[in-house]
Amino acid sequence: MKQLTFAKRNHQLTNINAWTPDSRWLAFDVRPSGASFTGQTIERVNVESGEIEVLYRAPQGAHVGVVTVNPHAPDRYVFIHGPENPDAAWRYDFHHRRGVVVEGGRATNLDAMDITEPYTPGALRGGSHVHVWSPDGSRLSFTYNDHVLHERCPALDLRNVGVALPFGPVTPPQSHPREYGGSHWCALVSHTTPTPRPGSDDISRAYEEGWVGNQGYLKPDGTRQRWALAFIGDTCDRHGGRVPELFIVDLPEDEAAWKRPGMSPLAGTPTTMPAPPDGVAQRRLTFTHHFSHPGLVNSPRHWVRSDPGGANLAFLMGDANGVAQLWLMSPNGGEPRQLTHGLQGVDSAFNWHPSGRALGFVQGKRIVLCDANSGAITPLTEPLAVPPSADAVVFSPDGRHIAWMQEVEGFRQLFMTPTDD
């Protein structure tokens, strides 16, 4: 086990894509906590030498955080950027943030913003969050909140899942001083409603998404679905209770399909959220309303993760005793399979080893590997004096190391350990 950072400040890893492709650097931000968005720099640490580099420093009172690294471009980073010159009317919030890409020291807006009717297709009307590159590095997923509907009524501003595509740039008229252009064409791919019908597949929130497979997944007819995202969607049971379930959405490949509107405008209206392109529809995978402990768990917070081959989606759900365990399920549907068992359960977000043969997470104050077939647990550390952070446990791209965060003398520091002998 090796401590990588030592400065008396917090170091915050994102839950995936924190390593550079050469497995030599870990990117992080310096928020005082995961929920306090007041960091001013995006940085990285060399895991061999301990050298720290500042990749970006926010200007004009803005704040930044939640950085991920392009899996094929070691000098290409994306992160959340808050508004410059924030004021009482426009300060950092879920619906007031954007993605910014930094490459070679040059910063570019990822998503465009247009909050003036008529809205611009390909632009967003609010804030994007947790930008995650696809396995080939060509596009990004994100979660989204809408400024236009938030101004109308905060209860209408429902979290959704979107995709940023290399079909830009998108340049709105910029009729409002807070509007801007972006390098990518953005579209929402989930559909939510503030009043989900009890017992239906309607959802009021879409979140914690993950790309499916390095090259998609095989359908039952033998064809390959190249692009898909799995996510958690909050359904409503017959008694009006919230039940998070697993959903998937298949995505088009060609540019024309992404720019073709369906029944509702891509850019939304003053009273409706931006809508998915024509033919893009979410599909429910789990049906747990009748379980003794229904739904995916939100604590620990986790993101749906697919194995590299796209055969299994992994997520956390309570067992018969309500203990959070790892479960696996095919993107094609069927019955979920419980992978881990026992009283300890899973205490953190998790990720797949690049081989697809194991998953890594926190269990009982240890960093562990879990065999993806048997569920057997292999500890990689002894029980630690301070529990590792539940926010992120991330494998290096070469699979040789796993990194996490842990508090040392009041500050969150970065650590890593080898995954085998």
Protein backbone atom coordinates (compact mmCIF):
# COMPACT_ATOMS: atom_id res chain seq x y z
CA MET A 1 0.00 0.00 0.00
CA LYS A 2 1.38 3.37 -1.01
CA GLN A 3 0.26 6.87 -0.02
CA LEU A 4 0.40 9.15 -3.07
CA THR A 5 -0.51 12.61 -1.74
CA PHE A 6 0.54 14.36 1.47
CA ALA A 7 -0.47 18.05 1.24
CA LYS A 8 -2.77 19.21 4.03
CA ARG A 9 -5.85 19.62 1.83
CA ASN A 10 -8.40 17.23 0.36
CA HIS A 11 -7.82 15.22 -2.80
CA GLN A 12 -10.98 13.98 -4.53
CA LEU A 13 -11.10 11.18 -7.10
CA THR A 14 -14.01 10.70 -9.50
CA ASN A 15 -15.68 7.30 -9.48
CA ILE A 16 -14.29 6.20 -12.89
CA ASN A 17 -11.68 7.25 -15.50
CA ALA A 18 -9.42 8.81 -12.87
CA TRP A 19 -6.20 7.32 -14.32
CA THR A 20 -4.33 8.42 -17.43
CA PRO A 21 -4.21 5.69 -20.13
CA ASP A 22 -0.56 4.90 -19.34
CA SER A 23 -1.45 4.12 -15.69
CA ARG A 24 1.14 6.66 -14.46
CA TRP A 25 -1.04 9.57 -13.26
CA LEU A 26 -4.19 9.99 -11.18
CA ALA A 27 -6.34 13.08 -11.82
CA PHE A 28 -8.15 14.70 -8.90
CA ASP A 29 -9.75 17.91 -7.68
CA VAL A 30 -9.33 19.69 -4.36
CA ARG A 31 -12.88 20.21 -3.08
CA PRO A 32 -13.03 20.35 0.72
CA SER A 33 -15.58 17.53 0.46
CA GLY A 34 -17.50 15.76 -2.26
CA ALA A 35 -20.56 17.91 -1.56
CA SER A 36 -18.76 21.27 -1.25
CA PHE A 37 -18.09 22.63 -4.71
CA THR A 38 -15.44 25.23 -3.88
CA GLY A 39 -12.25 23.81 -5.42
CA GLN A 40 -10.27 26.04 -7.76
CA THR A 41 -7.86 23.63 -9.47
CA ILE A 42 -7.77 20.35 -11.38
CA GLU A 43 -4.55 18.46 -10.71
CA ARG A 44 -2.82 15.12 -11.17
CA VAL A 45 -0.23 13.10 -9.25
CA ASN A 46 2.43 10.82 -10.71
CA VAL A 47 1.96 7.52 -8.90
CA GLU A 48 5.65 6.63 -9.32
CA SER A 49 7.37 9.88 -8.31
CA GLY A 50 4.65 11.72 -6.35
CA GLU A 51 5.02 14.78 -8.59
CA ILE A 52 1.95 17.04 -8.62
CA GLU A 53 0.88 19.02 -11.69
CA VAL A 54 -1.86 21.65 -11.92
CA LEU A 55 -3.87 21.03 -15.09
CA TYR A 56 -6.31 23.92 -14.79
CA ARG A 57 -7.01 26.83 -12.49
CA ALA A 58 -10.52 28.32 -12.52
CA PRO A 59 -10.72 32.05 -13.33
CA GLN A 60 -13.05 34.85 -12.21
CA GLY A 61 -14.41 33.28 -9.05
CA ALA A 62 -15.47 30.01 -10.71
CA HIS A 63 -14.99 26.59 -9.13
CA VAL A 64 -14.20 23.21 -10.67
CA GLY A 65 -14.29 19.52 -9.80
CA VAL A 66 -15.15 15.92 -10.76
CA VAL A 67 -12.43 15.36 -13.37
CA THR A 68 -12.21 12.34 -15.67
CA VAL A 69 -9.51 11.39 -18.18
CA ASN A 70 -10.06 10.36 -21.79
CA PRO A 71 -9.16 6.63 -21.94
CA HIS A 72 -7.16 7.08 -25.16
CA ALA A 73 -5.78 10.62 -24.87
CA PRO A 74 -3.49 11.10 -21.84
CA ASP A 75 -3.64 14.90 -22.06
CA ARG A 76 -7.42 15.25 -22.46
CA TYR A 77 -9.49 15.91 -19.34
CA VAL A 78 -13.09 16.94 -18.68
CA PHE A 79 -14.61 18.31 -15.48
CA ILE A 80 -17.49 20.32 -14.03
CA HIS A 81 -17.03 24.07 -14.28
CA GLY A 82 -19.13 26.50 -12.25
CA PRO A 83 -20.08 29.97 -13.52
CA GLU A 84 -17.53 32.75 -13.73
CA ASN A 85 -18.32 35.90 -11.78
CA PRO A 86 -21.09 34.23 -9.79
CA ASP A 87 -23.70 36.47 -8.22
CA ALA A 88 -26.95 36.15 -6.30
CA ALA A 89 -28.91 35.51 -9.49
CA TRP A 90 -26.46 33.05 -11.06
CA ARG A 91 -24.20 31.03 -8.81
CA TYR A 92 -23.11 27.41 -8.78
CA ASP A 93 -26.04 25.00 -8.63
CA PHE A 94 -27.15 21.77 -10.27
CA HIS A 95 -28.65 23.76 -13.15
CA HIS A 96 -25.79 26.30 -13.35
CA ARG A 97 -22.71 24.31 -14.38
CA ARG A 98 -21.12 22.94 -17.53
CA GLY A 99 -18.48 20.55 -18.78
CA VAL A 100 -15.08 21.92 -19.79
CA VAL A 101 -12.46 19.93 -21.72
CA VAL A 102 -8.78 20.77 -21.22
CA GLU A 103 -6.26 19.44 -23.72
CA GLY A 104 -2.72 20.68 -24.07
CA GLY A 105 -3.49 23.42 -21.59
CA ARG A 106 -6.38 24.78 -23.71
CA ALA A 107 -9.88 24.87 -22.20
CA THR A 108 -13.06 24.47 -24.29
CA ASN A 109 -16.71 24.30 -23.26
CA LEU A 110 -18.12 20.82 -23.82
CA ASP A 111 -21.83 21.69 -23.79
CA ALA A 112 -23.52 24.82 -25.11
CA MET A 113 -26.11 26.75 -23.05
CA ASP A 114 -29.23 28.39 -24.51
CA ILE A 115 -31.97 29.52 -22.10
CA THR A 116 -33.68 31.93 -24.50
CA GLU A 117 -36.66 30.74 -26.54
CA PRO A 118 -36.54 29.39 -29.24
CA TYR A 119 -33.98 27.01 -27.78
CA THR A 120 -31.13 25.61 -29.87
CA PRO A 121 -31.05 21.86 -30.67
CA GLY A 122 -27.77 20.38 -29.50
CA ALA A 123 -27.44 22.94 -26.71
CA LEU A 124 -28.50 22.43 -23.10
CA ARG A 125 -30.66 24.71 -20.98
CA GLY A 126 -29.00 23.99 -17.66
CA GLY A 127 -26.18 22.17 -15.94
CA SER A 128 -24.27 19.01 -16.86
CA HIS A 129 -22.51 16.89 -14.24
CA VAL A 130 -20.07 13.92 -13.89
CA HIS A 131 -18.92 13.72 -17.51
CA VAL A 132 -17.72 10.19 -18.32
CA TRP A 133 -15.96 9.31 -21.56
CA SER A 134 -17.18 6.31 -23.53
CA PRO A 135 -14.68 3.42 -23.60
CA ASP A 136 -13.41 4.51 -27.04
CA GLY A 137 -13.10 8.14 -25.90
CA SER A 138 -15.37 9.53 -28.62
CA ARG A 139 -18.37 10.74 -26.57
CA LEU A 140 -19.42 11.39 -23.02
CA SER A 141 -22.36 10.70 -20.74
CA PHE A 142 -23.52 13.10 -18.06
CA THR A 143 -26.41 13.85 -15.73
CA TYR A 144 -28.41 17.01 -16.25
CA ASN A 145 -30.61 19.57 -14.51
CA ASP A 146 -32.65 22.20 -16.35
CA HIS A 147 -32.53 25.95 -15.66
CA VAL A 148 -35.65 26.82 -17.65
CA LEU A 149 -37.90 24.43 -15.72
CA HIS A 150 -36.19 25.23 -12.43
CA GLU A 151 -37.14 28.87 -12.90
CA ARG A 152 -40.70 27.83 -13.69
CA CYS A 153 -40.99 25.43 -10.72
CA PRO A 154 -38.11 23.57 -9.02
CA ALA A 155 -40.26 20.43 -8.80
CA LEU A 156 -40.20 20.23 -12.62
CA ASP A 157 -36.39 20.25 -12.75
CA LEU A 158 -35.91 16.47 -12.79
CA ARG A 159 -32.47 14.91 -13.12
CA ASN A 160 -31.88 13.18 -16.46
CA VAL A 161 -29.11 11.41 -18.35
CA GLY A 162 -27.59 12.90 -21.50
CA VAL A 163 -24.83 12.32 -24.05
CA ALA A 164 -22.31 14.74 -25.58
CA LEU A 165 -21.38 13.78 -29.15
CA PRO A 166 -18.57 14.90 -31.51
CA PHE A 167 -21.09 16.45 -33.92
CA GLY A 168 -20.54 20.10 -32.97
CA PRO A 169 -19.74 22.82 -32.51
CA VAL A 170 -23.06 24.19 -31.27
CA THR A 171 -23.30 28.00 -31.25
CA PRO A 172 -26.51 29.53 -29.81
CA PRO A 173 -27.35 33.19 -30.55
CA GLN A 174 -26.20 34.02 -26.98
CA SER A 175 -29.02 36.46 -26.29
CA HIS A 176 -28.45 36.13 -22.53
CA PRO A 177 -25.13 36.99 -20.83
CA ARG A 178 -24.99 33.51 -19.27
CA GLU A 179 -25.30 31.65 -22.58
CA TYR A 180 -22.31 30.17 -24.42
CA GLY A 181 -21.30 27.80 -27.20
CA GLY A 182 -19.91 24.29 -26.90
CA SER A 183 -17.77 21.84 -28.84
CA HIS A 184 -20.22 18.90 -28.69
CA TRP A 185 -23.81 18.22 -29.71
CA CYS A 186 -25.74 17.30 -26.56
CA ALA A 187 -29.00 15.39 -26.21
CA LEU A 188 -30.93 13.88 -23.34
CA VAL A 189 -31.55 10.13 -23.62
CA SER A 190 -33.78 9.51 -20.60
CA HIS A 191 -37.41 10.49 -20.09
CA THR A 192 -38.78 11.51 -16.70
CA THR A 193 -42.07 12.74 -15.30
CA PRO A 194 -42.82 14.54 -12.03
CA THR A 195 -45.85 12.27 -11.55
CA PRO A 196 -44.86 8.65 -12.31
CA ARG A 197 -47.85 6.33 -12.42
CA PRO A 198 -47.85 3.89 -9.47
CA GLY A 199 -46.71 0.44 -10.55
CA SER A 200 -45.60 1.61 -14.02
CA ASP A 201 -42.22 1.98 -15.74
CA ASP A 202 -42.41 5.78 -15.40
CA ILE A 203 -39.50 7.39 -13.57
CA SER A 204 -39.10 10.71 -11.81
CA ARG A 205 -35.30 10.72 -11.87
CA ALA A 206 -32.52 9.17 -14.04
CA TYR A 207 -29.01 9.02 -12.61
CA GLU A 208 -25.73 7.13 -11.88
CA GLU A 209 -25.35 5.96 -15.48
CA GLY A 210 -22.63 3.79 -17.02
CA TRP A 211 -21.58 2.83 -20.56
CA VAL A 212 -22.39 -0.76 -21.53
CA GLY A 213 -19.36 -2.77 -22.68
CA ASN A 214 -16.23 -1.54 -24.38
CA GLN A 215 -18.00 -2.18 -27.69
CA GLY A 216 -21.62 -2.40 -26.58
CA TYR A 217 -23.43 -5.69 -26.03
CA LEU A 218 -24.81 -8.64 -28.00
CA LYS A 219 -28.56 -8.81 -28.43
CA PRO A 220 -30.45 -12.13 -28.39
CA ASP A 221 -30.55 -12.15 -32.22
CA GLY A 222 -26.74 -12.05 -32.36
CA THR A 223 -26.44 -8.43 -33.52
CA ARG A 224 -24.31 -6.01 -31.55
CA GLN A 225 -25.76 -2.85 -30.03
CA ARG A 226 -22.71 -0.58 -30.29
CA TRP A 227 -23.80 2.16 -27.88
CA ALA A 228 -25.90 1.87 -24.75
CA LEU A 229 -26.15 3.41 -21.30
CA ALA A 230 -27.50 1.75 -18.17
CA PHE A 231 -28.75 3.91 -15.30
CA ILE A 232 -30.86 3.99 -12.17
CA GLY A 233 -34.43 5.28 -12.53
CA ASP A 234 -36.75 6.08 -9.64
CA THR A 235 -40.10 4.33 -10.13
CA CYS A 236 -43.23 4.56 -7.98
CA ASP A 237 -44.71 1.44 -6.39
CA ARG A 238 -48.45 0.86 -6.03
CA HIS A 239 -48.42 2.50 -2.61
CA GLY A 240 -46.69 5.66 -3.84
CA GLY A 241 -43.22 4.75 -2.55
CA ARG A 242 -40.00 5.47 -4.46
CA VAL A 243 -38.23 2.37 -5.80
CA PRO A 244 -34.95 2.79 -7.75
CA GLU A 245 -34.81 0.28 -10.60
CA LEU A 246 -32.27 -0.55 -13.33
CA PHE A 247 -32.87 0.83 -16.83
CA ILE A 248 -31.03 0.76 -20.16
CA VAL A 249 -31.25 2.89 -23.29
CA ASP A 250 -29.87 1.86 -26.69
CA LEU A 251 -28.28 4.74 -28.58
CA PRO A 252 -27.94 5.47 -32.31
CA GLU A 253 -24.59 5.51 -34.10
CA ASP A 254 -24.96 8.04 -36.91
CA GLU A 255 -25.14 11.80 -36.63
CA ALA A 256 -28.42 12.16 -38.52
CA ALA A 257 -30.26 9.94 -36.05
CA TRP A 258 -29.04 12.00 -33.11
CA LYS A 259 -30.34 15.18 -34.73
CA ARG A 260 -33.76 13.81 -35.68
CA PRO A 261 -36.47 14.88 -33.19
CA GLY A 262 -39.10 12.48 -31.94
CA MET A 263 -42.59 13.39 -30.75
CA SER A 264 -41.20 16.31 -28.70
CA PRO A 265 -38.57 18.95 -29.56
CA LEU A 266 -34.95 17.99 -28.92
CA ALA A 267 -34.34 21.36 -27.28
CA GLY A 268 -37.50 21.30 -25.16
CA THR A 269 -40.14 23.97 -24.69
CA PRO A 270 -40.81 26.52 -21.94
CA THR A 271 -42.90 23.87 -20.15
CA THR A 272 -41.15 20.61 -21.08
CA MET A 273 -37.69 19.10 -20.71
CA PRO A 274 -35.46 18.58 -23.77
CA ALA A 275 -36.50 15.27 -25.34
CA PRO A 276 -34.52 12.24 -26.60
CA PRO A 277 -34.01 11.85 -30.37
CA ASP A 278 -36.45 9.81 -32.44
CA GLY A 279 -36.39 6.12 -31.54
CA VAL A 280 -34.35 6.51 -28.35
CA ALA A 281 -36.39 4.91 -25.56
CA GLN A 282 -35.42 3.62 -22.13
CA ARG A 283 -36.14 0.02 -21.16
CA ARG A 284 -36.65 -1.27 -17.63
CA LEU A 285 -34.50 -4.24 -16.59
CA THR A 286 -35.32 -4.93 -12.92
CA PHE A 287 -38.78 -5.44 -11.42
CA THR A 288 -38.31 -5.57 -7.66
CA HIS A 289 -41.43 -3.95 -6.23
CA HIS A 290 -42.39 -7.30 -4.67
CA PHE A 291 -38.96 -7.94 -3.07
CA SER A 292 -38.66 -7.80 0.72
CA HIS A 293 -36.13 -4.98 0.16
CA PRO A 294 -37.11 -3.59 -3.24
CA GLY A 295 -34.97 -1.48 -5.52
CA LEU A 296 -31.32 -0.64 -6.02
CA VAL A 297 -29.70 0.98 -3.00
CA ASN A 298 -28.65 4.64 -2.92
CA SER A 299 -26.35 4.11 0.08
CA PRO A 300 -23.58 3.52 -0.58
CA ARG A 301 -23.87 5.76 -3.61
CA HIS A 302 -22.79 3.83 -6.69
CA TRP A 303 -22.91 3.93 -10.48
CA VAL A 304 -24.08 1.11 -12.73
CA ARG A 305 -21.02 -0.55 -14.25
CA SER A 306 -20.74 -2.97 -17.16
CA ASP A 307 -18.01 -5.56 -17.61
CA PRO A 308 -15.74 -4.87 -20.62
CA GLY A 309 -17.49 -7.48 -22.76
CA GLY A 310 -20.94 -6.04 -22.12
CA ALA A 311 -22.40 -9.31 -20.83
CA ASN A 312 -23.06 -8.19 -17.24
CA LEU A 313 -24.29 -5.02 -15.60
CA ALA A 314 -23.25 -4.70 -11.95
CA PHE A 315 -25.23 -2.77 -9.33
CA LEU A 316 -25.97 -2.76 -5.61
CA MET A 317 -29.21 -4.08 -4.19
CA GLY A 318 -30.25 -5.31 -0.77
CA ASP A 319 -30.30 -9.03 -0.03
CA ALA A 320 -33.04 -10.76 2.01
CA ASN A 321 -31.66 -9.05 5.12
CA GLY A 322 -31.35 -5.63 3.50
CA VAL A 323 -27.54 -5.76 3.25
CA ALA A 324 -26.15 -4.00 0.16
CA GLN A 325 -24.72 -6.68 -2.14
CA LEU A 326 -23.36 -6.81 -5.67
CA TRP A 327 -25.78 -8.14 -8.25
CA LEU A 328 -25.24 -8.90 -11.94
CA MET A 329 -27.69 -8.80 -14.82
CA SER A 330 -27.63 -9.09 -18.60
CA PRO A 331 -28.34 -5.93 -20.64
CA ASN A 332 -30.96 -8.05 -22.40
CA GLY A 333 -32.94 -8.53 -19.19
CA GLY A 334 -33.80 -11.66 -17.22
CA GLU A 335 -33.33 -12.34 -13.54
CA PRO A 336 -30.59 -10.57 -11.56
CA ARG A 337 -27.95 -12.78 -9.95
CA GLN A 338 -26.65 -12.03 -6.47
CA LEU A 339 -22.85 -12.14 -6.54
CA THR A 340 -21.78 -11.27 -2.99
CA HIS A 341 -23.21 -12.70 0.21
CA GLY A 342 -22.69 -12.31 3.92
CA LEU A 343 -23.21 -9.74 6.63
CA GLN A 344 -20.46 -7.35 5.51
CA GLY A 345 -21.89 -6.57 2.08
CA VAL A 346 -20.41 -3.80 -0.08
CA ASP A 347 -19.43 -0.49 1.52
CA SER A 348 -18.57 1.69 -1.48
CA ALA A 349 -18.91 2.41 -5.17
CA PHE A 350 -17.13 -0.23 -7.25
CA ASN A 351 -15.48 -0.84 -10.62
CA TRP A 352 -14.61 -3.79 -12.84
CA HIS A 353 -11.02 -4.90 -13.24
CA PRO A 354 -10.02 -4.29 -16.90
CA SER A 355 -9.88 -8.07 -17.42
CA GLY A 356 -13.55 -8.40 -16.55
CA ARG A 357 -12.73 -11.19 -14.09
CA ALA A 358 -13.15 -9.26 -10.85
CA LEU A 359 -14.57 -6.13 -9.24
CA GLY A 360 -12.99 -3.88 -6.61
CA PHE A 361 -14.62 -2.10 -3.69
CA VAL A 362 -14.48 -1.41 0.05
CA GLN A 363 -15.64 -4.08 2.48
CA GLY A 364 -15.10 -3.99 6.21
CA LYS A 365 -12.43 -1.23 6.12
CA ARG A 366 -10.48 -3.18 3.48
CA ILE A 367 -9.94 -2.79 -0.24
CA VAL A 368 -11.00 -6.11 -1.77
CA LEU A 369 -11.31 -7.94 -5.08
CA CYS A 370 -14.45 -9.92 -5.79
CA ASP A 371 -14.34 -12.79 -8.30
CA ALA A 372 -16.93 -12.02 -10.99
CA ASN A 373 -17.97 -15.67 -11.30
CA SER A 374 -17.90 -17.07 -7.78
CA GLY A 375 -18.19 -13.95 -5.65
CA ALA A 376 -15.11 -15.01 -3.67
CA ILE A 377 -13.47 -12.09 -1.84
CA THR A 378 -9.70 -11.49 -1.89
CA PRO A 379 -8.51 -8.71 0.47
CA LEU A 380 -5.89 -6.40 -1.05
CA THR A 381 -5.23 -4.56 2.23
CA GLU A 382 -5.44 -5.32 5.91
CA PRO A 383 -8.35 -3.65 7.73
CA LEU A 384 -7.43 0.03 7.78
CA ALA A 385 -7.53 2.26 10.85
CA VAL A 386 -9.75 4.73 9.00
CA PRO A 387 -12.38 3.39 6.58
CA PRO A 388 -11.55 4.17 2.94
CA SER A 389 -13.84 6.66 1.25
CA ALA A 390 -16.92 5.08 -0.31
CA ASP A 391 -16.86 7.56 -3.22
CA ALA A 392 -14.36 5.92 -5.56
CA VAL A 393 -12.32 2.72 -5.93
CA VAL A 394 -10.61 2.82 -9.34
CA PHE A 395 -8.37 0.38 -11.22
CA SER A 396 -5.43 1.51 -13.32
CA PRO A 397 -5.97 0.82 -17.05
CA ASP A 398 -3.24 -1.85 -17.02
CA GLY A 399 -5.03 -3.55 -14.13
CA ARG A 400 -1.96 -3.64 -11.91
CA HIS A 401 -3.08 -1.17 -9.24
CA ILE A 402 -6.21 0.08 -7.54
CA ALA A 403 -6.57 3.55 -6.00
CA TRP A 404 -8.84 5.06 -3.38
CA MET A 405 -9.18 7.94 -0.91
CA GLN A 406 -8.62 7.82 2.83
CA GLU A 407 -8.53 10.43 5.56
CA VAL A 408 -5.14 11.16 7.14
CA GLU A 409 -4.92 13.74 9.94
CA GLY A 410 -8.16 15.36 8.82
CA PHE A 411 -7.45 15.48 5.08
CA ARG A 412 -8.48 13.14 2.28
CA GLN A 413 -5.38 11.60 0.68
CA LEU A 414 -4.87 9.27 -2.28
CA PHE A 415 -3.58 5.71 -1.92
CA MET A 416 -2.96 2.74 -4.19
CA THR A 417 -2.04 -0.89 -3.83
CA PRO A 418 -1.16 -3.70 -6.30
CA THR A 419 -3.96 -5.97 -7.40
CA ASP A 420 -1.84 -9.15 -7.33
CA ASP A 421 1.60 -10.42 -6.33
